[in-house]
Amino acid sequence: MGIIGTIIIGLIVGLIARFLKPGNDSMGWIMTILLGIGGSLLASYGGQALGLYQAGEGAGFIGAVVGAIILLVIYGMVTSRKH
């Protein structure tokens, strides 16, 4: 998958994660895409390293959403400490 495909998947995963996590998240599109891409990478490599699923399986997308939610929670904790 090319860079454009990765960005689109990252955007979709980031939007799903923001929808599933309750609370107000005032981040822009770029942070949403980066959050989704980060969650995808975290879940893809982490899940494969643990032997939970293989590359290309549907469980990887679910794992990417879970990874993005985890990153969203961490991002919220870090940014709330600044204020």
PDB file of N, CA and C in Angstrom:
ATOM      1  N   MET A   1       0.856  -1.173   0.000  1.00  0.00           N
ATOM      2  CA  MET A   1       0.000   0.000   0.000  1.00  0.00           C
ATOM      3  C   MET A   1       0.897   1.229   0.000  1.00  0.00           C
ATOM      4  N   GLY A   2       0.527   2.198  -0.797  1.00  0.00           N
ATOM      5  CA  GLY A   2       1.315   3.410  -0.912  1.00  0.00           C
ATOM      6  C   GLY A   2       1.047   4.379   0.223  1.00  0.00           C
ATOM      7  N   ILE A   3       1.734   5.490   0.171  1.00  0.00           N
ATOM      8  CA  ILE A   3       1.624   6.493   1.226  1.00  0.00           C
ATOM      9  C   ILE A   3       0.219   7.099   1.280  1.00  0.00           C
ATOM     10  N   ILE A   4      -0.417   7.290   0.129  1.00  0.00           N
ATOM     11  CA  ILE A   4      -1.776   7.844   0.109  1.00  0.00           C
ATOM     12  C   ILE A   4      -2.752   6.855   0.756  1.00  0.00           C
ATOM     13  N   GLY A   5      -2.599   5.585   0.460  1.00  0.00           N
ATOM     14  CA  GLY A   5      -3.444   4.563   1.081  1.00  0.00           C
ATOM     15  C   GLY A   5      -3.254   4.508   2.584  1.00  0.00           C
ATOM     16  N   THR A   6      -2.006   4.639   3.028  1.00  0.00           N
ATOM     17  CA  THR A   6      -1.716   4.643   4.456  1.00  0.00           C
ATOM     18  C   THR A   6      -2.358   5.844   5.134  1.00  0.00           C
ATOM     19  N   ILE A   7      -2.299   6.999   4.504  1.00  0.00           N
ATOM     20  CA  ILE A   7      -2.909   8.199   5.072  1.00  0.00           C
ATOM     21  C   ILE A   7      -4.420   8.044   5.156  1.00  0.00           C
ATOM     22  N   ILE A   8      -5.036   7.478   4.120  1.00  0.00           N
ATOM     23  CA  ILE A   8      -6.490   7.299   4.128  1.00  0.00           C
ATOM     24  C   ILE A   8      -6.905   6.303   5.206  1.00  0.00           C
ATOM     25  N   ILE A   9      -6.201   5.178   5.307  1.00  0.00           N
ATOM     26  CA  ILE A   9      -6.502   4.206   6.362  1.00  0.00           C
ATOM     27  C   ILE A   9      -6.268   4.839   7.732  1.00  0.00           C
ATOM     28  N   GLY A  10      -5.197   5.621   7.874  1.00  0.00           N
ATOM     29  CA  GLY A  10      -4.927   6.306   9.136  1.00  0.00           C
ATOM     30  C   GLY A  10      -6.041   7.267   9.511  1.00  0.00           C
ATOM     31  N   LEU A  11      -6.561   7.984   8.532  1.00  0.00           N
ATOM     32  CA  LEU A  11      -7.670   8.906   8.781  1.00  0.00           C
ATOM     33  C   LEU A  11      -8.906   8.141   9.236  1.00  0.00           C
ATOM     34  N   ILE A  12      -9.213   7.050   8.550  1.00  0.00           N
ATOM     35  CA  ILE A  12     -10.393   6.253   8.910  1.00  0.00           C
ATOM     36  C   ILE A  12     -10.247   5.687  10.318  1.00  0.00           C
ATOM     37  N   VAL A  13      -9.092   5.111  10.616  1.00  0.00           N
ATOM     38  CA  VAL A  13      -8.856   4.536  11.943  1.00  0.00           C
ATOM     39  C   VAL A  13      -8.899   5.627  13.008  1.00  0.00           C
ATOM     40  N   GLY A  14      -8.295   6.769  12.744  1.00  0.00           N
ATOM     41  CA  GLY A  14      -8.315   7.878  13.696  1.00  0.00           C
ATOM     42  C   GLY A  14      -9.720   8.391  13.955  1.00  0.00           C
ATOM     43  N   LEU A  15     -10.537   8.512  12.913  1.00  0.00           N
ATOM     44  CA  LEU A  15     -11.922   8.962  13.084  1.00  0.00           C
ATOM     45  C   LEU A  15     -12.744   7.957  13.886  1.00  0.00           C
ATOM     46  N   ILE A  16     -12.558   6.673  13.609  1.00  0.00           N
ATOM     47  CA  ILE A  16     -13.272   5.651  14.370  1.00  0.00           C
ATOM     48  C   ILE A  16     -12.859   5.701  15.834  1.00  0.00           C
ATOM     49  N   ALA A  17     -11.576   5.859  16.091  1.00  0.00           N
ATOM     50  CA  ALA A  17     -11.087   5.926  17.473  1.00  0.00           C
ATOM     51  C   ALA A  17     -11.658   7.144  18.198  1.00  0.00           C
ATOM     52  N   ARG A  18     -11.712   8.282  17.516  1.00  0.00           N
ATOM     53  CA  ARG A  18     -12.278   9.480  18.139  1.00  0.00           C
ATOM     54  C   ARG A  18     -13.765   9.323  18.389  1.00  0.00           C
ATOM     55  N   PHE A  19     -14.447   8.596  17.520  1.00  0.00           N
ATOM     56  CA  PHE A  19     -15.879   8.348  17.697  1.00  0.00           C
ATOM     57  C   PHE A  19     -16.131   7.413  18.884  1.00  0.00           C
ATOM     58  N   LEU A  20     -15.299   6.393  19.050  1.00  0.00           N
ATOM     59  CA  LEU A  20     -15.508   5.403  20.095  1.00  0.00           C
ATOM     60  C   LEU A  20     -15.080   5.872  21.475  1.00  0.00           C
ATOM     61  N   LYS A  21     -14.103   6.765  21.542  1.00  0.00           N
ATOM     62  CA  LYS A  21     -13.634   7.254  22.843  1.00  0.00           C
ATOM     63  C   LYS A  21     -14.495   8.436  23.260  1.00  0.00           C
ATOM     64  N   PRO A  22     -15.126   8.335  24.432  1.00  0.00           N
ATOM     65  CA  PRO A  22     -15.967   9.454  24.883  1.00  0.00           C
ATOM     66  C   PRO A  22     -15.127  10.650  25.290  1.00  0.00           C
ATOM     67  N   GLY A  23     -15.744  11.811  25.288  1.00  0.00           N
ATOM     68  CA  GLY A  23     -15.069  13.037  25.703  1.00  0.00           C
ATOM     69  C   GLY A  23     -14.808  13.962  24.537  1.00  0.00           C
ATOM     70  N   ASN A  24     -14.357  15.157  24.860  1.00  0.00           N
ATOM     71  CA  ASN A  24     -14.095  16.177  23.857  1.00  0.00           C
ATOM     72  C   ASN A  24     -12.625  16.119  23.445  1.00  0.00           C
ATOM     73  N   ASP A  25     -12.371  15.891  22.186  1.00  0.00           N
ATOM     74  CA  ASP A  25     -11.014  15.869  21.652  1.00  0.00           C
ATOM     75  C   ASP A  25     -10.904  16.981  20.625  1.00  0.00           C
ATOM     76  N   SER A  26     -10.176  18.016  20.959  1.00  0.00           N
ATOM     77  CA  SER A  26     -10.072  19.175  20.069  1.00  0.00           C
ATOM     78  C   SER A  26      -8.767  19.147  19.283  1.00  0.00           C
ATOM     79  N   MET A  27      -8.598  18.090  18.491  1.00  0.00           N
ATOM     80  CA  MET A  27      -7.418  18.009  17.644  1.00  0.00           C
ATOM     81  C   MET A  27      -7.860  18.100  16.193  1.00  0.00           C
ATOM     82  N   GLY A  28      -6.970  18.500  15.343  1.00  0.00           N
ATOM     83  CA  GLY A  28      -7.299  18.691  13.937  1.00  0.00           C
ATOM     84  C   GLY A  28      -7.156  17.417  13.123  1.00  0.00           C
ATOM     85  N   TRP A  29      -7.317  17.597  11.806  1.00  0.00           N
ATOM     86  CA  TRP A  29      -7.245  16.467  10.878  1.00  0.00           C
ATOM     87  C   TRP A  29      -5.870  15.825  10.864  1.00  0.00           C
ATOM     88  N   ILE A  30      -4.833  16.634  10.938  1.00  0.00           N
ATOM     89  CA  ILE A  30      -3.468  16.092  10.887  1.00  0.00           C
ATOM     90  C   ILE A  30      -3.210  15.193  12.092  1.00  0.00           C
ATOM     91  N   MET A  31      -3.601  15.631  13.273  1.00  0.00           N
ATOM     92  CA  MET A  31      -3.411  14.812  14.472  1.00  0.00           C
ATOM     93  C   MET A  31      -4.265  13.549  14.411  1.00  0.00           C
ATOM     94  N   THR A  32      -5.455  13.640  13.830  1.00  0.00           N
ATOM     95  CA  THR A  32      -6.301  12.464  13.677  1.00  0.00           C
ATOM     96  C   THR A  32      -5.642  11.440  12.764  1.00  0.00           C
ATOM     97  N   ILE A  33      -5.079  11.912  11.652  1.00  0.00           N
ATOM     98  CA  ILE A  33      -4.387  11.016  10.722  1.00  0.00           C
ATOM     99  C   ILE A  33      -3.162  10.399  11.398  1.00  0.00           C
ATOM    100  N   LEU A  34      -2.378  11.216  12.083  1.00  0.00           N
ATOM    101  CA  LEU A  34      -1.181  10.699  12.755  1.00  0.00           C
ATOM    102  C   LEU A  34      -1.544   9.702  13.845  1.00  0.00           C
ATOM    103  N   LEU A  35      -2.612   9.978  14.566  1.00  0.00           N
ATOM    104  CA  LEU A  35      -3.089   9.057  15.589  1.00  0.00           C
ATOM    105  C   LEU A  35      -3.493   7.727  14.966  1.00  0.00           C
ATOM    106  N   GLY A  36      -4.213   7.781  13.856  1.00  0.00           N
ATOM    107  CA  GLY A  36      -4.620   6.549  13.170  1.00  0.00           C
ATOM    108  C   GLY A  36      -3.450   5.768  12.624  1.00  0.00           C
ATOM    109  N   ILE A  37      -2.502   6.460  12.013  1.00  0.00           N
ATOM    110  CA  ILE A  37      -1.307   5.791  11.487  1.00  0.00           C
ATOM    111  C   ILE A  37      -0.498   5.178  12.627  1.00  0.00           C
ATOM    112  N   GLY A  38      -0.350   5.923  13.717  1.00  0.00           N
ATOM    113  CA  GLY A  38       0.380   5.400  14.877  1.00  0.00           C
ATOM    114  C   GLY A  38      -0.303   4.178  15.474  1.00  0.00           C
ATOM    115  N   GLY A  39      -1.630   4.238  15.579  1.00  0.00           N
ATOM    116  CA  GLY A  39      -2.376   3.089  16.085  1.00  0.00           C
ATOM    117  C   GLY A  39      -2.254   1.890  15.171  1.00  0.00           C
ATOM    118  N   SER A  40      -2.270   2.154  13.865  1.00  0.00           N
ATOM    119  CA  SER A  40      -2.118   1.066  12.901  1.00  0.00           C
ATOM    120  C   SER A  40      -0.754   0.403  13.032  1.00  0.00           C
ATOM    121  N   LEU A  41       0.278   1.211  13.121  1.00  0.00           N
ATOM    122  CA  LEU A  41       1.625   0.658  13.259  1.00  0.00           C
ATOM    123  C   LEU A  41       1.783  -0.096  14.571  1.00  0.00           C
ATOM    124  N   LEU A  42       1.286   0.497  15.646  1.00  0.00           N
ATOM    125  CA  LEU A  42       1.385  -0.126  16.960  1.00  0.00           C
ATOM    126  C   LEU A  42       0.683  -1.481  16.971  1.00  0.00           C
ATOM    127  N   ALA A  43      -0.533  -1.513  16.464  1.00  0.00           N
ATOM    128  CA  ALA A  43      -1.307  -2.754  16.479  1.00  0.00           C
ATOM    129  C   ALA A  43      -0.785  -3.767  15.473  1.00  0.00           C
ATOM    130  N   SER A  44      -0.408  -3.299  14.295  1.00  0.00           N
ATOM    131  CA  SER A  44       0.060  -4.232  13.268  1.00  0.00           C
ATOM    132  C   SER A  44       1.307  -4.967  13.712  1.00  0.00           C
ATOM    133  N   TYR A  45       2.317  -4.217  14.080  1.00  0.00           N
ATOM    134  CA  TYR A  45       3.571  -4.853  14.462  1.00  0.00           C
ATOM    135  C   TYR A  45       3.477  -5.534  15.821  1.00  0.00           C
ATOM    136  N   GLY A  46       2.746  -4.930  16.741  1.00  0.00           N
ATOM    137  CA  GLY A  46       2.587  -5.536  18.064  1.00  0.00           C
ATOM    138  C   GLY A  46       1.800  -6.829  18.008  1.00  0.00           C
ATOM    139  N   GLY A  47       0.677  -6.827  17.283  1.00  0.00           N
ATOM    140  CA  GLY A  47      -0.150  -8.031  17.164  1.00  0.00           C
ATOM    141  C   GLY A  47       0.549  -9.153  16.428  1.00  0.00           C
ATOM    142  N   GLN A  48       1.288  -8.799  15.394  1.00  0.00           N
ATOM    143  CA  GLN A  48       2.030  -9.818  14.647  1.00  0.00           C
ATOM    144  C   GLN A  48       3.183 -10.362  15.472  1.00  0.00           C
ATOM    145  N   ALA A  49       3.844  -9.492  16.241  1.00  0.00           N
ATOM    146  CA  ALA A  49       4.960  -9.945  17.074  1.00  0.00           C
ATOM    147  C   ALA A  49       4.475 -10.886  18.175  1.00  0.00           C
ATOM    148  N   LEU A  50       3.266 -10.642  18.679  1.00  0.00           N
ATOM    149  CA  LEU A  50       2.708 -11.510  19.712  1.00  0.00           C
ATOM    150  C   LEU A  50       2.047 -12.751  19.133  1.00  0.00           C
ATOM    151  N   GLY A  51       1.943 -12.827  17.810  1.00  0.00           N
ATOM    152  CA  GLY A  51       1.350 -13.981  17.155  1.00  0.00           C
ATOM    153  C   GLY A  51      -0.170 -14.004  17.206  1.00  0.00           C
ATOM    154  N   LEU A  52      -0.796 -12.833  17.412  1.00  0.00           N
ATOM    155  CA  LEU A  52      -2.255 -12.767  17.492  1.00  0.00           C
ATOM    156  C   LEU A  52      -2.916 -12.908  16.129  1.00  0.00           C
ATOM    157  N   TYR A  53      -2.265 -12.404  15.090  1.00  0.00           N
ATOM    158  CA  TYR A  53      -2.790 -12.489  13.735  1.00  0.00           C
ATOM    159  C   TYR A  53      -1.656 -12.296  12.746  1.00  0.00           C
ATOM    160  N   GLN A  54      -1.937 -12.623  11.495  1.00  0.00           N
ATOM    161  CA  GLN A  54      -0.957 -12.474  10.420  1.00  0.00           C
ATOM    162  C   GLN A  54      -1.242 -11.199   9.635  1.00  0.00           C
ATOM    163  N   ALA A  55      -0.292 -10.781   8.833  1.00  0.00           N
ATOM    164  CA  ALA A  55      -0.459  -9.587   8.005  1.00  0.00           C
ATOM    165  C   ALA A  55      -1.615  -9.785   7.033  1.00  0.00           C
ATOM    166  N   GLY A  56      -2.460  -8.776   6.900  1.00  0.00           N
ATOM    167  CA  GLY A  56      -3.566  -8.811   5.960  1.00  0.00           C
ATOM    168  C   GLY A  56      -4.870  -9.352   6.521  1.00  0.00           C
ATOM    169  N   GLU A  57      -4.902  -9.798   7.760  1.00  0.00           N
ATOM    170  CA  GLU A  57      -6.128 -10.307   8.357  1.00  0.00           C
ATOM    171  C   GLU A  57      -6.999  -9.155   8.847  1.00  0.00           C
ATOM    172  N   GLY A  58      -8.297  -9.394   8.931  1.00  0.00           N
ATOM    173  CA  GLY A  58      -9.242  -8.374   9.390  1.00  0.00           C
ATOM    174  C   GLY A  58      -9.027  -7.969  10.833  1.00  0.00           C
ATOM    175  N   ALA A  59      -8.461  -8.853  11.616  1.00  0.00           N
ATOM    176  CA  ALA A  59      -8.202  -8.530  13.021  1.00  0.00           C
ATOM    177  C   ALA A  59      -7.198  -7.385  13.138  1.00  0.00           C
ATOM    178  N   GLY A  60      -6.375  -7.206  12.131  1.00  0.00           N
ATOM    179  CA  GLY A  60      -5.408  -6.109  12.141  1.00  0.00           C
ATOM    180  C   GLY A  60      -6.086  -4.753  12.135  1.00  0.00           C
ATOM    181  N   PHE A  61      -7.210  -4.621  11.421  1.00  0.00           N
ATOM    182  CA  PHE A  61      -7.939  -3.351  11.398  1.00  0.00           C
ATOM    183  C   PHE A  61      -8.546  -3.062  12.764  1.00  0.00           C
ATOM    184  N   ILE A  62      -9.114  -4.092  13.385  1.00  0.00           N
ATOM    185  CA  ILE A  62      -9.677  -3.926  14.729  1.00  0.00           C
ATOM    186  C   ILE A  62      -8.559  -3.570  15.710  1.00  0.00           C
ATOM    187  N   GLY A  63      -7.431  -4.237  15.576  1.00  0.00           N
ATOM    188  CA  GLY A  63      -6.284  -3.920  16.422  1.00  0.00           C
ATOM    189  C   GLY A  63      -5.791  -2.506  16.204  1.00  0.00           C
ATOM    190  N   ALA A  64      -5.847  -2.024  14.964  1.00  0.00           N
ATOM    191  CA  ALA A  64      -5.429  -0.656  14.667  1.00  0.00           C
ATOM    192  C   ALA A  64      -6.340   0.345  15.359  1.00  0.00           C
ATOM    193  N   VAL A  65      -7.634   0.071  15.382  1.00  0.00           N
ATOM    194  CA  VAL A  65      -8.573   0.965  16.068  1.00  0.00           C
ATOM    195  C   VAL A  65      -8.293   0.960  17.570  1.00  0.00           C
ATOM    196  N   VAL A  66      -8.066  -0.217  18.144  1.00  0.00           N
ATOM    197  CA  VAL A  66      -7.749  -0.309  19.572  1.00  0.00           C
ATOM    198  C   VAL A  66      -6.439   0.426  19.872  1.00  0.00           C
ATOM    199  N   GLY A  67      -5.438   0.242  19.014  1.00  0.00           N
ATOM    200  CA  GLY A  67      -4.172   0.955  19.189  1.00  0.00           C
ATOM    201  C   GLY A  67      -4.348   2.458  19.107  1.00  0.00           C
ATOM    202  N   ALA A  68      -5.192   2.924  18.193  1.00  0.00           N
ATOM    203  CA  ALA A  68      -5.444   4.355  18.063  1.00  0.00           C
ATOM    204  C   ALA A  68      -6.177   4.903  19.279  1.00  0.00           C
ATOM    205  N   ILE A  69      -7.102   4.122  19.846  1.00  0.00           N
ATOM    206  CA  ILE A  69      -7.793   4.554  21.060  1.00  0.00           C
ATOM    207  C   ILE A  69      -6.800   4.677  22.207  1.00  0.00           C
ATOM    208  N   ILE A  70      -5.898   3.719  22.308  1.00  0.00           N
ATOM    209  CA  ILE A  70      -4.867   3.787  23.354  1.00  0.00           C
ATOM    210  C   ILE A  70      -4.020   5.048  23.177  1.00  0.00           C
ATOM    211  N   LEU A  71      -3.614   5.322  21.944  1.00  0.00           N
ATOM    212  CA  LEU A  71      -2.831   6.534  21.693  1.00  0.00           C
ATOM    213  C   LEU A  71      -3.641   7.793  21.982  1.00  0.00           C
ATOM    214  N   LEU A  72      -4.935   7.770  21.705  1.00  0.00           N
ATOM    215  CA  LEU A  72      -5.805   8.908  21.977  1.00  0.00           C
ATOM    216  C   LEU A  72      -5.905   9.175  23.478  1.00  0.00           C
ATOM    217  N   VAL A  73      -6.017   8.122  24.258  1.00  0.00           N
ATOM    218  CA  VAL A  73      -6.067   8.271  25.716  1.00  0.00           C
ATOM    219  C   VAL A  73      -4.749   8.841  26.233  1.00  0.00           C
ATOM    220  N   ILE A  74      -3.646   8.309  25.741  1.00  0.00           N
ATOM    221  CA  ILE A  74      -2.328   8.817  26.158  1.00  0.00           C
ATOM    222  C   ILE A  74      -2.168  10.275  25.747  1.00  0.00           C
ATOM    223  N   TYR A  75      -2.572  10.619  24.518  1.00  0.00           N
ATOM    224  CA  TYR A  75      -2.490  11.995  24.033  1.00  0.00           C
ATOM    225  C   TYR A  75      -3.317  12.920  24.934  1.00  0.00           C
ATOM    226  N   GLY A  76      -4.508  12.474  25.313  1.00  0.00           N
ATOM    227  CA  GLY A  76      -5.358  13.280  26.192  1.00  0.00           C
ATOM    228  C   GLY A  76      -4.738  13.489  27.546  1.00  0.00           C
ATOM    229  N   MET A  77      -4.085  12.460  28.092  1.00  0.00           N
ATOM    230  CA  MET A  77      -3.431  12.590  29.387  1.00  0.00           C
ATOM    231  C   MET A  77      -2.259  13.538  29.326  1.00  0.00           C
ATOM    232  N   VAL A  78      -1.492  13.482  28.250  1.00  0.00           N
ATOM    233  CA  VAL A  78      -0.310  14.343  28.112  1.00  0.00           C
ATOM    234  C   VAL A  78      -0.739  15.806  27.924  1.00  0.00           C
ATOM    235  N   THR A  79      -1.713  16.047  27.073  1.00  0.00           N
ATOM    236  CA  THR A  79      -2.135  17.432  26.805  1.00  0.00           C
ATOM    237  C   THR A  79      -2.905  18.034  27.969  1.00  0.00           C
ATOM    238  N   SER A  80      -3.574  17.223  28.787  1.00  0.00           N
ATOM    239  CA  SER A  80      -4.301  17.776  29.937  1.00  0.00           C
ATOM    240  C   SER A  80      -3.344  18.186  31.041  1.00  0.00           C
ATOM    241  N   ARG A  81      -2.171  17.608  31.088  1.00  0.00           N
ATOM    242  CA  ARG A  81      -1.181  17.980  32.102  1.00  0.00           C
ATOM    243  C   ARG A  81      -0.506  19.307  31.783  1.00  0.00           C
ATOM    244  N   LYS A  82      -0.520  19.692  30.503  1.00  0.00           N
ATOM    245  CA  LYS A  82       0.095  20.954  30.107  1.00  0.00           C
ATOM    246  C   LYS A  82      -0.694  22.152  30.624  1.00  0.00           C
ATOM    247  N   HIS A  83      -2.007  22.008  30.727  1.00  0.00           N
ATOM    248  CA  HIS A  83      -2.866  23.152  31.089  1.00  0.00           C
ATOM    249  C   HIS A  83      -3.006  23.292  32.549  1.00  0.00           C
TER     250      HIS A  83
END
